[in-house]
C-alpha cells in the first residue's frame, strides 16, 4: 500500500510539475549590489551611490536627486528572459519624469502617463510581463498594456528630471 501511494505521488509530481517562482529583492539595504551603470557597464556592488550621487541608497530606499544633473540609467546585473512580475513603491516629487526599462519598453513615471499618480506619497507600481506583452499598473489600476520585445534584458531605472524615491523593488520570475 505504502509503495503504491509513493508511486502515485511520483506520477502526479512528474505529470503536473510545480511552477517555480523565485522572488528576488533588487534593492539592498545600503548598497547598490546587483546594479551597474547602463553606459560603460561599471558594476556598483558595495557602493551606496552612483553618478556623482545622482543615485543614492539608504535603508533600502533608492533616491534620484534632482539637484544632481544628468540623464543617467542604472540597470540590474541580472537579466530577465521569462515571464516576470516587477513590483515596487515610488514617491515622486511634482517634477518627476523618470523612466523604467524592461524588454525594450520605456515607461515614464510622470503625469499624465500615470493618471492616478500621487505626488509626494508612496505609490504601488507593477510591471507584469507575460510572453510578448507587458502590463503596467499603478495603485492597482491598469495604465496600459504594451507589446514588448522577446529575449533577455535587465531592468533599468533612468534619472531624467525631478526627484523620486523607490523602495521594496522585487522581481518574481
Protein backbone atom coordinates (compact mmCIF):
# COMPACT_ATOMS: atom_id res chain seq x y z
CA UNK A 1 0.00 0.00 0.00
CA UNK A 2 2.75 2.45 1.00
CA UNK A 3 4.68 1.71 -2.21
CA UNK A 4 1.54 2.23 -4.29
CA UNK A 5 0.90 5.66 -2.69
CA UNK A 6 4.53 6.65 -3.21
CA UNK A 7 4.39 5.67 -6.87
CA UNK A 8 1.08 7.52 -7.32
CA UNK A 9 2.60 10.65 -5.75
CA UNK A 10 5.66 10.45 -8.03
CA UNK A 11 3.43 10.11 -11.10
CA UNK A 12 1.45 13.21 -10.03
CA UNK A 13 4.64 15.23 -9.47
CA UNK A 14 6.01 14.24 -12.86
CA UNK A 15 2.69 14.80 -14.64
CA UNK A 16 1.99 18.20 -13.01
CA UNK A 17 5.29 19.89 -12.21
CA UNK A 18 5.08 22.88 -9.91
CA UNK A 19 5.76 26.23 -11.46
CA UNK A 20 8.79 27.52 -9.62
CA UNK A 21 8.59 31.18 -8.71
CA UNK A 22 11.61 32.91 -7.32
CA UNK A 23 11.30 36.39 -5.86
CA UNK A 24 14.47 38.47 -5.91
CA UNK A 25 14.95 41.60 -3.84
CA UNK A 26 16.51 44.08 -6.27
CA UNK A 27 17.36 46.86 -3.80
CA UNK A 28 19.62 46.02 -0.90
CA UNK A 29 19.51 47.93 2.36
CA UNK A 30 22.53 50.19 1.98
CA UNK A 31 24.32 49.41 -1.28
CA UNK A 32 23.77 49.04 -5.00
CA UNK A 33 24.97 45.45 -5.23
CA UNK A 34 23.35 43.76 -8.22
CA UNK A 35 23.27 47.00 -10.24
CA UNK A 36 25.52 48.55 -12.87
CA UNK A 37 25.75 51.70 -14.95
CA UNK A 38 23.95 51.22 -18.28
CA UNK A 39 26.60 53.27 -20.08
CA UNK A 40 30.06 51.78 -19.60
CA UNK A 41 28.83 48.83 -17.51
CA UNK A 42 30.54 49.85 -14.23
CA UNK A 43 29.34 47.38 -11.58
CA UNK A 44 28.05 49.14 -8.44
CA UNK A 45 28.48 46.28 -5.95
CA UNK A 46 29.10 47.57 -2.42
CA UNK A 47 28.56 51.24 -3.36
CA UNK A 48 25.98 53.45 -1.65
CA UNK A 49 25.81 55.93 -4.53
CA UNK A 50 26.47 56.29 -8.25
CA UNK A 51 26.94 59.01 -10.89
CA UNK A 52 28.13 61.76 -8.54
CA UNK A 53 25.34 60.89 -6.10
CA UNK A 54 22.61 61.16 -8.74
CA UNK A 55 21.53 57.78 -7.31
CA UNK A 56 21.90 57.04 -3.58
CA UNK A 57 20.59 54.22 -1.45
CA UNK A 58 19.98 54.22 2.28
CA UNK A 59 17.79 51.92 4.37
CA UNK A 60 16.52 50.19 1.22
CA UNK A 61 15.34 53.41 -0.44
CA UNK A 62 16.88 54.40 -3.78
CA UNK A 63 16.80 58.18 -4.26
CA UNK A 64 17.28 60.08 -7.51
CA UNK A 65 18.48 63.54 -6.52
CA UNK A 66 17.03 66.22 -8.83
CA UNK A 67 19.76 68.71 -7.83
CA UNK A 68 22.41 66.47 -9.40
CA UNK A 69 22.07 66.84 -13.16
CA UNK A 70 22.44 64.08 -15.72
CA UNK A 71 20.32 61.79 -17.87
CA UNK A 72 21.69 58.54 -16.43
CA UNK A 73 20.45 54.96 -16.28
CA UNK A 74 21.35 52.18 -13.88
CA UNK A 75 20.27 48.61 -14.55
CA UNK A 76 20.25 45.25 -12.87
CA UNK A 77 23.19 42.96 -13.49
CA UNK A 78 20.69 40.09 -13.74
CA UNK A 79 18.67 39.85 -16.91
CA UNK A 80 15.10 38.63 -17.19
CA UNK A 81 14.15 36.27 -20.01
CA UNK A 82 11.00 34.60 -18.70
CA UNK A 83 7.67 35.97 -17.61
CA UNK A 84 8.37 38.34 -14.72
CA UNK A 85 6.44 40.43 -12.22
CA UNK A 86 8.33 43.51 -11.05
CA UNK A 87 6.87 45.39 -8.08
CA UNK A 88 7.99 48.49 -6.24
CA UNK A 89 6.81 51.53 -4.38
CA UNK A 90 7.77 55.00 -5.52
CA UNK A 91 7.39 58.52 -4.16
CA UNK A 92 7.66 61.13 -6.94
CA UNK A 93 8.08 64.86 -6.49
CA UNK A 94 5.95 67.30 -8.52
CA UNK A 95 8.54 67.46 -11.34
CA UNK A 96 9.17 63.71 -11.59
CA UNK A 97 9.79 62.42 -15.11
CA UNK A 98 11.96 59.35 -14.64
CA UNK A 99 11.72 56.06 -16.50
CA UNK A 100 11.82 52.30 -16.21
CA UNK A 101 13.13 50.00 -18.95
CA UNK A 102 12.36 46.33 -19.47
CA UNK A 103 12.20 44.16 -22.62
CA UNK A 104 12.72 47.09 -24.96
CA UNK A 105 9.91 49.16 -23.42
CA UNK A 106 10.44 52.54 -21.74
CA UNK A 107 7.76 53.62 -19.30
CA UNK A 108 7.70 57.19 -17.95
CA UNK A 109 6.94 57.64 -14.27
CA UNK A 110 5.26 61.02 -14.70
CA UNK A 111 1.90 62.65 -15.13
CA UNK A 112 -0.10 62.20 -17.37
CA UNK A 113 1.36 58.74 -18.16
CA UNK A 114 0.48 57.66 -14.61
CA UNK A 115 -3.06 59.03 -14.30
CA UNK A 116 -3.53 58.09 -10.64
CA UNK A 117 -0.05 59.24 -9.53
CA UNK A 118 0.07 60.70 -6.03
CA UNK A 119 2.80 63.34 -5.74
CA UNK A 120 4.93 63.19 -2.55
CA UNK A 121 3.17 59.98 -1.48
CA UNK A 122 4.09 56.31 -1.85
CA UNK A 123 2.56 54.70 -4.94
CA UNK A 124 2.49 50.97 -5.77
CA UNK A 125 3.81 50.09 -9.24
CA UNK A 126 3.82 46.78 -11.11
CA UNK A 127 5.16 45.58 -14.43
CA UNK A 128 3.80 42.19 -15.41
CA UNK A 129 5.45 40.55 -18.41
CA UNK A 130 3.69 37.55 -19.95
CA UNK A 131 5.13 36.35 -23.23
CA UNK A 132 5.35 39.31 -25.58
CA UNK A 133 3.03 41.56 -23.56
CA UNK A 134 3.80 43.94 -20.66
CA UNK A 135 1.09 45.27 -18.38
CA UNK A 136 1.76 48.40 -16.31
CA UNK A 137 -0.21 49.12 -13.13
CA UNK A 138 -0.11 51.92 -10.58
CA UNK A 139 -2.01 51.69 -7.31
CA UNK A 140 -3.84 48.62 -8.68
CA UNK A 141 -5.12 50.37 -11.84
CA UNK A 142 -4.00 49.14 -15.26
CA UNK A 143 -2.33 52.03 -17.08
CA UNK A 144 -1.53 50.28 -20.35
CA UNK A 145 -0.61 47.02 -21.98
CA UNK A 146 2.25 47.14 -24.48
CA UNK A 147 3.84 44.59 -26.79
CA UNK A 148 7.42 44.02 -25.68
CA UNK A 149 10.46 42.55 -27.36
CA UNK A 150 11.25 38.91 -26.68
CA UNK A 151 14.57 37.98 -25.17
CA UNK A 152 16.69 38.72 -22.18
CA UNK A 153 17.09 42.22 -20.72
CA UNK A 154 17.96 43.85 -17.42
CA UNK A 155 15.53 46.11 -15.55
CA UNK A 156 16.63 49.73 -15.79
CA UNK A 157 15.88 52.94 -13.93
CA UNK A 158 16.60 56.23 -15.66
CA UNK A 159 17.17 59.52 -13.85
CA UNK A 160 15.92 62.21 -16.17
CA UNK A 161 14.05 65.06 -14.43
CA UNK A 162 12.71 65.65 -10.94
CA UNK A 163 13.13 63.58 -7.82
CA UNK A 164 11.88 60.15 -6.93
CA UNK A 165 12.38 57.58 -4.19
CA UNK A 166 11.96 53.85 -4.85
CA UNK A 167 11.70 51.06 -2.27
CA UNK A 168 10.62 47.42 -1.93
CA UNK A 169 11.74 46.60 -5.50
CA UNK A 170 11.31 42.90 -6.27
CA UNK A 171 11.17 40.66 -9.31
CA UNK A 172 9.34 37.34 -9.38
CA UNK A 173 10.02 35.03 -12.34
